[in-house]
Amino acid sequence: MLTFISFFICLIISFFYLNSEIYHLSSVLTSTPQIQLFLISCIPITFYALILILFFRQKNKKITVTEIFLYILSGSLLARSLSYRIIYHLDNFLFNAHSILIIGAILEDLLKLIVFIIVFYISRSQSDNLLKILFLASILGLGFQLYEDYFFILNNIDLGFSNLFSSLLYRVSNAITSHWMYTGITALGFIAFITDKISKEKCLFWLISPCILHILWNSDWNNSSLISSIISAITFSIYISAYSVISTIKN
């Protein structure tokens, strides 16, 4: 009964945000040039998303197409939409522009983890396959990331083709070590912690480090290509290290 109630509530929230986004999309794209620019701008984000999904499927054949859609939609329609509205209200009523960058990073990572746990529970996935958990959580983070890219395109659709596309390519280059890695590492740390398959110290490191890296990425300290490259390199190293560790564990 609890599973059905959770599933039904998630459906209501998802359809609510889906209808809201369709309405928003129709109100923003009011001319043929805008529609053309929107479709062209979706090409690079679709391209990198497909590459990641193919990688996950190649490395773990147990991931189904249904699960891919489920976790991508959960990341976008649940985690990202909820976090956007919560952060928006906090930004307007509670915090200044500087602190909201830090609070926002914490809230985003926490909500992504909560949504992953709920979807993981509803879908009755097995918690003993840590590699699949890493990839499913990464797919949810990818959905979160794609929503951000989509929102970026809509908010900057009036910049014109050259300005929008150059900014979007910069976003895509940073997407290599963004939300999909943060969410994958965080969820892996949580599940591994409660299943007792890996040392608690390593699990806690996986659980906490993505949030710290996310805060650093959003902070004023990230003010040069060198700093952002260092943060990306650390994120990538942690993800690959976690992948290597769980790949050696028999499920």
Protein backbone atom coordinates (compact mmCIF):
# COMPACT_ATOMS: atom_id res chain seq x y z
CA MET A 1 0.00 0.00 0.00
CA LEU A 2 2.81 2.40 0.89
CA THR A 3 4.49 1.66 -2.44
CA PHE A 4 1.31 2.50 -4.35
CA ILE A 5 0.77 5.73 -2.41
CA SER A 6 4.37 6.82 -3.03
CA PHE A 7 4.04 5.97 -6.72
CA PHE A 8 0.75 7.86 -7.03
CA ILE A 9 2.13 10.97 -5.33
CA CYS A 10 5.18 10.92 -7.60
CA LEU A 11 2.87 10.65 -10.62
CA ILE A 12 0.82 13.66 -9.51
CA ILE A 13 3.95 15.80 -9.01
CA SER A 14 5.44 14.64 -12.32
CA PHE A 15 2.31 15.41 -14.34
CA PHE A 16 1.93 18.77 -12.60
CA TYR A 17 5.46 19.84 -13.52
CA LEU A 18 5.17 18.32 -17.00
CA ASN A 19 2.04 20.36 -17.72
CA SER A 20 3.71 23.45 -16.26
CA GLU A 21 6.75 23.02 -18.49
CA ILE A 22 4.66 22.46 -21.61
CA TYR A 23 2.73 25.65 -20.85
CA HIS A 24 5.98 27.53 -20.21
CA LEU A 25 7.48 26.17 -23.42
CA SER A 26 4.49 27.25 -25.51
CA SER A 27 4.54 30.73 -23.99
CA VAL A 28 8.27 31.26 -24.65
CA LEU A 29 8.55 29.83 -28.16
CA THR A 30 6.28 32.23 -30.01
CA SER A 31 8.01 32.43 -33.40
CA THR A 32 9.46 30.08 -36.00
CA PRO A 33 13.07 31.32 -35.52
CA GLN A 34 12.79 30.67 -31.76
CA ILE A 35 11.47 27.15 -32.35
CA GLN A 36 14.28 26.44 -34.83
CA LEU A 37 16.90 27.79 -32.43
CA PHE A 38 15.46 25.72 -29.59
CA LEU A 39 15.57 22.50 -31.63
CA ILE A 40 19.13 23.17 -32.83
CA SER A 41 20.25 23.95 -29.27
CA CYS A 42 18.85 20.62 -28.06
CA ILE A 43 21.23 18.71 -30.36
CA PRO A 44 24.43 18.97 -28.24
CA ILE A 45 22.69 18.11 -24.95
CA THR A 46 20.90 15.18 -26.60
CA PHE A 47 24.22 14.00 -28.02
CA TYR A 48 26.09 13.87 -24.72
CA ALA A 49 23.08 12.31 -22.98
CA LEU A 50 22.92 9.49 -25.53
CA ILE A 51 26.65 8.83 -25.18
CA LEU A 52 26.31 8.48 -21.39
CA ILE A 53 23.26 6.24 -21.64
CA LEU A 54 24.99 3.98 -24.16
CA PHE A 55 27.99 3.80 -21.83
CA PHE A 56 25.79 2.75 -18.87
CA ARG A 57 24.01 0.13 -20.97
CA GLN A 58 27.30 -1.21 -22.29
CA LYS A 59 28.81 -1.57 -18.83
CA ASN A 60 25.69 -3.04 -17.21
CA LYS A 61 23.29 -5.00 -19.40
CA LYS A 62 20.80 -5.33 -16.53
CA ILE A 63 19.71 -1.71 -16.95
CA THR A 64 16.46 -1.71 -18.93
CA VAL A 65 15.09 0.97 -21.25
CA THR A 66 12.17 1.39 -18.83
CA GLU A 67 14.56 2.12 -15.98
CA ILE A 68 16.44 4.66 -18.10
CA PHE A 69 13.24 6.61 -18.81
CA LEU A 70 12.04 6.24 -15.22
CA TYR A 71 15.20 7.66 -13.66
CA ILE A 72 15.72 10.41 -16.25
CA LEU A 73 12.15 11.65 -15.80
CA SER A 74 12.46 11.39 -12.02
CA GLY A 75 15.62 13.47 -12.11
CA SER A 76 14.02 16.17 -14.25
CA LEU A 77 10.33 16.26 -13.31
CA LEU A 78 10.77 15.48 -9.61
CA ALA A 79 14.24 16.34 -8.31
CA ARG A 80 15.04 19.35 -10.51
CA SER A 81 11.57 20.87 -10.57
CA LEU A 82 11.17 20.57 -6.80
CA SER A 83 14.63 21.94 -6.05
CA TYR A 84 14.15 24.83 -8.47
CA ARG A 85 10.96 25.97 -6.76
CA ILE A 86 12.32 25.52 -3.24
CA ILE A 87 15.53 27.39 -4.04
CA TYR A 88 13.55 30.11 -5.85
CA HIS A 89 11.47 30.81 -2.74
CA LEU A 90 14.49 30.69 -0.45
CA ASP A 91 16.32 33.09 -2.73
CA ASN A 92 13.42 35.55 -2.61
CA PHE A 93 12.57 35.41 1.06
CA LEU A 94 15.39 34.02 3.19
CA PHE A 95 18.88 34.24 1.77
CA ASN A 96 21.06 36.62 -0.19
CA ALA A 97 22.53 35.86 -3.59
CA HIS A 98 25.83 34.63 -2.15
CA SER A 99 24.50 32.16 0.41
CA ILE A 100 21.86 30.72 -1.90
CA LEU A 101 24.63 29.29 -4.10
CA ILE A 102 25.81 27.17 -1.18
CA ILE A 103 22.35 26.36 0.17
CA GLY A 104 21.23 25.54 -3.36
CA ALA A 105 24.01 23.01 -3.88
CA ILE A 106 23.15 21.25 -0.61
CA LEU A 107 19.42 21.20 -1.35
CA GLU A 108 19.92 19.92 -4.89
CA ASP A 109 22.13 17.02 -3.83
CA LEU A 110 19.84 16.16 -0.93
CA LEU A 111 16.70 16.20 -3.10
CA LYS A 112 18.36 14.11 -5.80
CA LEU A 113 19.28 11.52 -3.18
CA ILE A 114 15.78 11.52 -1.67
CA VAL A 115 14.12 11.14 -5.06
CA PHE A 116 16.52 8.35 -5.97
CA ILE A 117 15.71 6.47 -2.76
CA ILE A 118 11.96 6.86 -3.38
CA VAL A 119 12.17 5.71 -7.01
CA PHE A 120 14.55 2.92 -6.04
CA TYR A 121 12.05 1.76 -3.41
CA ILE A 122 9.03 2.02 -5.72
CA SER A 123 10.74 0.12 -8.55
CA ARG A 124 11.92 -2.56 -6.09
CA SER A 125 15.46 -2.59 -7.49
CA GLN A 126 17.98 -4.90 -5.86
CA SER A 127 20.36 -3.11 -3.49
CA ASP A 128 23.09 -5.76 -3.84
CA ASN A 129 24.09 -4.71 -7.36
CA LEU A 130 26.21 -1.66 -6.55
CA LEU A 131 27.35 -1.10 -10.12
CA LYS A 132 23.75 -0.86 -11.31
CA ILE A 133 22.96 1.49 -8.42
CA LEU A 134 25.83 3.78 -9.44
CA PHE A 135 24.56 3.91 -13.02
CA LEU A 136 20.86 4.32 -12.14
CA ALA A 137 21.69 7.19 -9.79
CA SER A 138 23.89 8.69 -12.51
CA ILE A 139 20.97 8.48 -14.94
CA LEU A 140 18.74 10.30 -12.44
CA GLY A 141 21.42 12.97 -12.09
CA LEU A 142 21.58 13.14 -15.88
CA GLY A 143 17.85 13.87 -15.98
CA PHE A 144 18.41 16.67 -13.47
CA GLN A 145 21.23 17.99 -15.63
CA LEU A 146 19.21 17.85 -18.86
CA TYR A 147 16.43 19.87 -17.23
CA GLU A 148 18.96 22.54 -16.28
CA ASP A 149 20.25 22.64 -19.86
CA TYR A 150 16.70 22.85 -21.20
CA PHE A 151 15.91 25.68 -18.80
CA PHE A 152 19.11 27.48 -19.79
CA ILE A 153 18.09 27.33 -23.45
CA LEU A 154 14.62 28.73 -22.78
CA ASN A 155 15.93 31.55 -20.59
CA ASN A 156 18.48 32.60 -23.22
CA ILE A 157 16.51 31.96 -26.40
CA ASP A 158 16.52 35.69 -27.24
CA LEU A 159 20.32 35.96 -27.25
CA GLY A 160 20.52 34.82 -30.86
CA PHE A 161 22.11 31.76 -32.40
CA SER A 162 25.83 32.57 -31.95
CA ASN A 163 25.64 33.76 -28.33
CA LEU A 164 23.28 31.02 -27.17
CA PHE A 165 25.11 28.20 -28.94
CA SER A 166 28.57 29.27 -27.69
CA SER A 167 27.26 29.48 -24.11
CA LEU A 168 25.56 26.11 -24.48
CA LEU A 169 28.73 24.45 -25.74
CA TYR A 170 30.52 25.74 -22.64
CA ARG A 171 27.78 24.16 -20.49
CA VAL A 172 28.15 20.88 -22.36
CA SER A 173 31.91 20.86 -21.77
CA ASN A 174 31.27 21.24 -18.01
CA ALA A 175 28.58 18.54 -18.12
CA ILE A 176 31.29 15.86 -18.27
CA THR A 177 31.67 16.01 -14.48
CA SER A 178 28.40 17.55 -13.35
CA HIS A 179 25.19 16.35 -11.68
CA TRP A 180 25.25 12.83 -13.09
CA MET A 181 28.55 12.16 -11.34
CA TYR A 182 27.51 13.93 -8.12
CA THR A 183 24.29 11.90 -7.87
CA GLY A 184 25.93 8.61 -8.80
CA ILE A 185 28.60 8.95 -6.12
CA THR A 186 26.21 10.21 -3.43
CA ALA A 187 23.61 7.47 -3.94
CA LEU A 188 26.29 4.80 -4.12
CA GLY A 189 27.72 6.02 -0.81
CA PHE A 190 24.29 5.88 0.82
CA ILE A 191 23.30 2.42 -0.46
CA ALA A 192 26.75 0.95 0.19
CA PHE A 193 26.63 2.37 3.73
CA ILE A 194 23.35 0.67 4.63
CA THR A 195 24.24 -2.63 2.91
CA ASP A 196 27.59 -2.95 4.72
CA LYS A 197 29.55 -4.11 1.67
CA ILE A 198 32.21 -1.40 1.81
CA SER A 199 33.98 0.32 4.68
CA LYS A 200 31.95 3.03 6.42
CA GLU A 201 34.74 5.56 5.93
CA LYS A 202 34.73 5.12 2.16
CA CYS A 203 30.92 5.22 2.04
CA LEU A 204 30.83 8.46 4.03
CA PHE A 205 33.46 9.96 1.73
CA TRP A 206 31.32 9.09 -1.30
CA LEU A 207 28.23 10.43 0.42
CA ILE A 208 29.72 13.80 1.41
CA SER A 209 32.39 14.66 -1.16
CA PRO A 210 30.03 15.41 -4.11
CA CYS A 211 28.16 18.01 -2.07
CA ILE A 212 31.43 19.70 -1.08
CA LEU A 213 32.60 19.72 -4.70
CA HIS A 214 29.22 21.09 -5.79
CA ILE A 215 29.48 23.91 -3.24
CA LEU A 216 33.00 24.72 -4.42
CA TRP A 217 31.80 24.76 -8.03
CA ASN A 218 29.02 27.23 -7.17
CA SER A 219 31.15 29.40 -4.90
CA ASP A 220 33.10 32.57 -5.67
CA TRP A 221 36.31 30.54 -5.37
CA ASN A 222 35.55 28.97 -8.73
CA ASN A 223 36.64 32.07 -10.63
CA SER A 224 39.02 30.70 -13.25
CA SER A 225 39.40 27.86 -15.75
CA LEU A 226 42.17 26.41 -13.60
CA ILE A 227 39.99 26.15 -10.49
CA SER A 228 37.07 24.63 -12.40
CA SER A 229 39.46 22.17 -14.06
CA ILE A 230 40.79 21.09 -10.65
CA ILE A 231 37.26 20.58 -9.30
CA SER A 232 36.30 18.60 -12.41
CA ALA A 233 39.44 16.46 -12.15
CA ILE A 234 38.72 15.64 -8.50
CA THR A 235 35.08 14.76 -9.29
CA PHE A 236 36.10 12.56 -12.19
CA SER A 237 38.76 10.80 -10.08
CA ILE A 238 36.30 10.03 -7.28
CA TYR A 239 33.73 8.65 -9.74
CA ILE A 240 36.25 6.43 -11.52
CA SER A 241 37.68 5.29 -8.19
CA ALA A 242 34.21 4.35 -6.93
CA TYR A 243 33.47 2.55 -10.20
CA SER A 244 36.74 0.59 -9.88
CA VAL A 245 36.02 -0.41 -6.29
CA ILE A 246 32.51 -1.73 -6.87
CA SER A 247 33.46 -3.42 -10.14
CA THR A 248 35.63 -5.82 -8.13
CA ILE A 249 32.81 -6.74 -5.72
CA LYS A 250 30.69 -9.79 -6.50
CA ASN A 251 26.99 -8.91 -6.36
